[in-house]
Amino acid sequence: MEVKVLDFTGKWCSTCIILDRIMESEIIPKYKNKVKFVKIDIEENEKLTKQYEILSVPTLIILKDSKEIWRKSGSIFKDEVIKELDSALKLNMEL
């Protein structure tokens, strides 16, 4: 079972910059051995942006075994991400 976070971002997006700092300092270190994190610049990866129907940034998507289980755009709080990741990982342990 694989849990993956897709982080759709833009270099020009101030909210993305704030989220990136939180992800890099607090979330990625906490889950680095349990979750795969993929940062995707929407201007450099138009194919993935269209595939996942990204309408605004930042957008985080949590995938479990390649299936989307959570998505949030705009203001994203650290506690929300931690709650969803813990939930996805707990489901892994139960299976």
C-alpha atoms as a PDB file:
ATOM      1  CA  MET A   1       0.000   0.000   0.000  1.00  0.00           C
ATOM      2  CA  GLU A   2       1.449   3.341  -1.038  1.00  0.00           C
ATOM      3  CA  VAL A   3       0.388   6.768   0.204  1.00  0.00           C
ATOM      4  CA  LYS A   4       1.452   9.702  -1.954  1.00  0.00           C
ATOM      5  CA  VAL A   5       0.936  13.468  -1.685  1.00  0.00           C
ATOM      6  CA  LEU A   6       0.739  15.491  -4.884  1.00  0.00           C
ATOM      7  CA  ASP A   7       1.511  19.150  -4.171  1.00  0.00           C
ATOM      8  CA  PHE A   8       0.394  21.314  -7.102  1.00  0.00           C
ATOM      9  CA  THR A   9       2.041  24.718  -6.894  1.00  0.00           C
ATOM     10  CA  GLY A  10       3.128  27.809  -8.813  1.00  0.00           C
ATOM     11  CA  LYS A  11       6.285  29.881  -8.400  1.00  0.00           C
ATOM     12  CA  TRP A  12       4.233  33.099  -8.431  1.00  0.00           C
ATOM     13  CA  CYS A  13       1.760  31.909  -5.750  1.00  0.00           C
ATOM     14  CA  SER A  14       2.359  33.462  -2.307  1.00  0.00           C
ATOM     15  CA  THR A  15       0.040  30.975  -0.557  1.00  0.00           C
ATOM     16  CA  CYS A  16       2.032  28.160  -2.197  1.00  0.00           C
ATOM     17  CA  ILE A  17       5.276  29.556  -0.793  1.00  0.00           C
ATOM     18  CA  ILE A  18       3.819  29.546   2.734  1.00  0.00           C
ATOM     19  CA  LEU A  19       2.496  25.998   2.308  1.00  0.00           C
ATOM     20  CA  ASP A  20       5.871  24.856   0.915  1.00  0.00           C
ATOM     21  CA  ARG A  21       7.635  26.113   4.045  1.00  0.00           C
ATOM     22  CA  ILE A  22       5.205  24.212   6.287  1.00  0.00           C
ATOM     23  CA  MET A  23       5.463  21.061   4.184  1.00  0.00           C
ATOM     24  CA  GLU A  24       9.280  21.141   4.099  1.00  0.00           C
ATOM     25  CA  SER A  25       9.814  21.993   7.764  1.00  0.00           C
ATOM     26  CA  GLU A  26       7.045  20.061   9.514  1.00  0.00           C
ATOM     27  CA  ILE A  27       5.114  17.578   7.388  1.00  0.00           C
ATOM     28  CA  ILE A  28       7.655  15.959   5.064  1.00  0.00           C
ATOM     29  CA  PRO A  29      10.143  15.221   7.890  1.00  0.00           C
ATOM     30  CA  LYS A  30       7.379  13.641   9.983  1.00  0.00           C
ATOM     31  CA  TYR A  31       6.233  11.277   7.211  1.00  0.00           C
ATOM     32  CA  LYS A  32       9.383  10.934   5.065  1.00  0.00           C
ATOM     33  CA  ASN A  33       9.668   7.163   5.487  1.00  0.00           C
ATOM     34  CA  LYS A  34       5.935   6.488   5.165  1.00  0.00           C
ATOM     35  CA  VAL A  35       4.637   8.805   2.450  1.00  0.00           C
ATOM     36  CA  LYS A  36       5.962   9.824  -0.965  1.00  0.00           C
ATOM     37  CA  PHE A  37       5.768  13.591  -1.615  1.00  0.00           C
ATOM     38  CA  VAL A  38       5.692  14.961  -5.161  1.00  0.00           C
ATOM     39  CA  LYS A  39       5.836  18.700  -5.822  1.00  0.00           C
ATOM     40  CA  ILE A  40       4.352  19.672  -9.188  1.00  0.00           C
ATOM     41  CA  ASP A  41       4.697  23.113 -10.781  1.00  0.00           C
ATOM     42  CA  ILE A  42       1.519  23.634 -12.792  1.00  0.00           C
ATOM     43  CA  GLU A  43       3.301  25.651 -15.490  1.00  0.00           C
ATOM     44  CA  GLU A  44       5.978  23.005 -16.015  1.00  0.00           C
ATOM     45  CA  ASN A  45       3.607  20.017 -15.848  1.00  0.00           C
ATOM     46  CA  GLU A  46       0.509  20.921 -17.822  1.00  0.00           C
ATOM     47  CA  LYS A  47      -0.315  17.282 -18.558  1.00  0.00           C
ATOM     48  CA  LEU A  48      -0.604  16.348 -14.847  1.00  0.00           C
ATOM     49  CA  THR A  49      -2.394  19.621 -14.109  1.00  0.00           C
ATOM     50  CA  LYS A  50      -5.050  18.717 -16.675  1.00  0.00           C
ATOM     51  CA  GLN A  51      -5.147  15.053 -15.669  1.00  0.00           C
ATOM     52  CA  TYR A  52      -5.949  15.968 -12.048  1.00  0.00           C
ATOM     53  CA  GLU A  53      -8.215  18.873 -13.081  1.00  0.00           C
ATOM     54  CA  ILE A  54      -6.331  21.460 -11.049  1.00  0.00           C
ATOM     55  CA  LEU A  55      -8.226  24.752 -11.076  1.00  0.00           C
ATOM     56  CA  SER A  56      -6.282  26.665  -8.420  1.00  0.00           C
ATOM     57  CA  VAL A  57      -3.098  26.483  -6.395  1.00  0.00           C
ATOM     58  CA  PRO A  58      -2.032  25.412  -3.963  1.00  0.00           C
ATOM     59  CA  THR A  59      -3.788  22.063  -4.279  1.00  0.00           C
ATOM     60  CA  LEU A  60      -2.808  19.007  -2.268  1.00  0.00           C
ATOM     61  CA  ILE A  61      -4.052  15.572  -3.279  1.00  0.00           C
ATOM     62  CA  ILE A  62      -3.524  12.460  -1.192  1.00  0.00           C
ATOM     63  CA  LEU A  63      -3.461   9.222  -3.166  1.00  0.00           C
ATOM     64  CA  LYS A  64      -3.615   5.751  -1.732  1.00  0.00           C
ATOM     65  CA  ASP A  65      -2.647   3.024  -4.169  1.00  0.00           C
ATOM     66  CA  SER A  66      -3.080   5.593  -6.963  1.00  0.00           C
ATOM     67  CA  LYS A  67      -6.667   6.401  -5.878  1.00  0.00           C
ATOM     68  CA  GLU A  68      -7.529   9.906  -4.749  1.00  0.00           C
ATOM     69  CA  ILE A  69      -8.734   9.887  -1.141  1.00  0.00           C
ATOM     70  CA  TRP A  70      -8.451  13.601  -0.249  1.00  0.00           C
ATOM     71  CA  ARG A  71      -8.099  16.939  -2.012  1.00  0.00           C
ATOM     72  CA  LYS A  72      -7.882  20.504  -0.794  1.00  0.00           C
ATOM     73  CA  SER A  73      -7.166  23.787  -2.587  1.00  0.00           C
ATOM     74  CA  GLY A  74      -6.457  27.278  -1.310  1.00  0.00           C
ATOM     75  CA  SER A  75      -5.697  27.815   2.363  1.00  0.00           C
ATOM     76  CA  ILE A  76      -4.509  24.480   3.695  1.00  0.00           C
ATOM     77  CA  PHE A  77      -3.697  24.081   7.364  1.00  0.00           C
ATOM     78  CA  LYS A  78      -0.955  21.834   8.726  1.00  0.00           C
ATOM     79  CA  ASP A  79      -3.375  20.067  11.093  1.00  0.00           C
ATOM     80  CA  GLU A  80      -5.684  19.144   8.197  1.00  0.00           C
ATOM     81  CA  VAL A  81      -2.856  17.510   6.276  1.00  0.00           C
ATOM     82  CA  ILE A  82      -1.581  15.646   9.341  1.00  0.00           C
ATOM     83  CA  LYS A  83      -5.079  14.372  10.137  1.00  0.00           C
ATOM     84  CA  GLU A  84      -5.595  13.088   6.596  1.00  0.00           C
ATOM     85  CA  LEU A  85      -2.158  11.491   6.363  1.00  0.00           C
ATOM     86  CA  ASP A  86      -2.580   9.788   9.738  1.00  0.00           C
ATOM     87  CA  SER A  87      -5.948   8.499   8.570  1.00  0.00           C
ATOM     88  CA  ALA A  88      -4.516   7.181   5.278  1.00  0.00           C
ATOM     89  CA  LEU A  89      -1.643   5.484   7.092  1.00  0.00           C
ATOM     90  CA  LYS A  90      -3.974   3.990   9.699  1.00  0.00           C
ATOM     91  CA  LEU A  91      -6.017   2.456   6.902  1.00  0.00           C
ATOM     92  CA  ASN A  92      -2.781   0.917   5.591  1.00  0.00           C
ATOM     93  CA  MET A  93      -2.144  -0.755   8.938  1.00  0.00           C
ATOM     94  CA  GLU A  94      -5.655  -2.180   9.126  1.00  0.00           C
ATOM     95  CA  LEU A  95      -5.461  -3.858   5.721  1.00  0.00           C
END
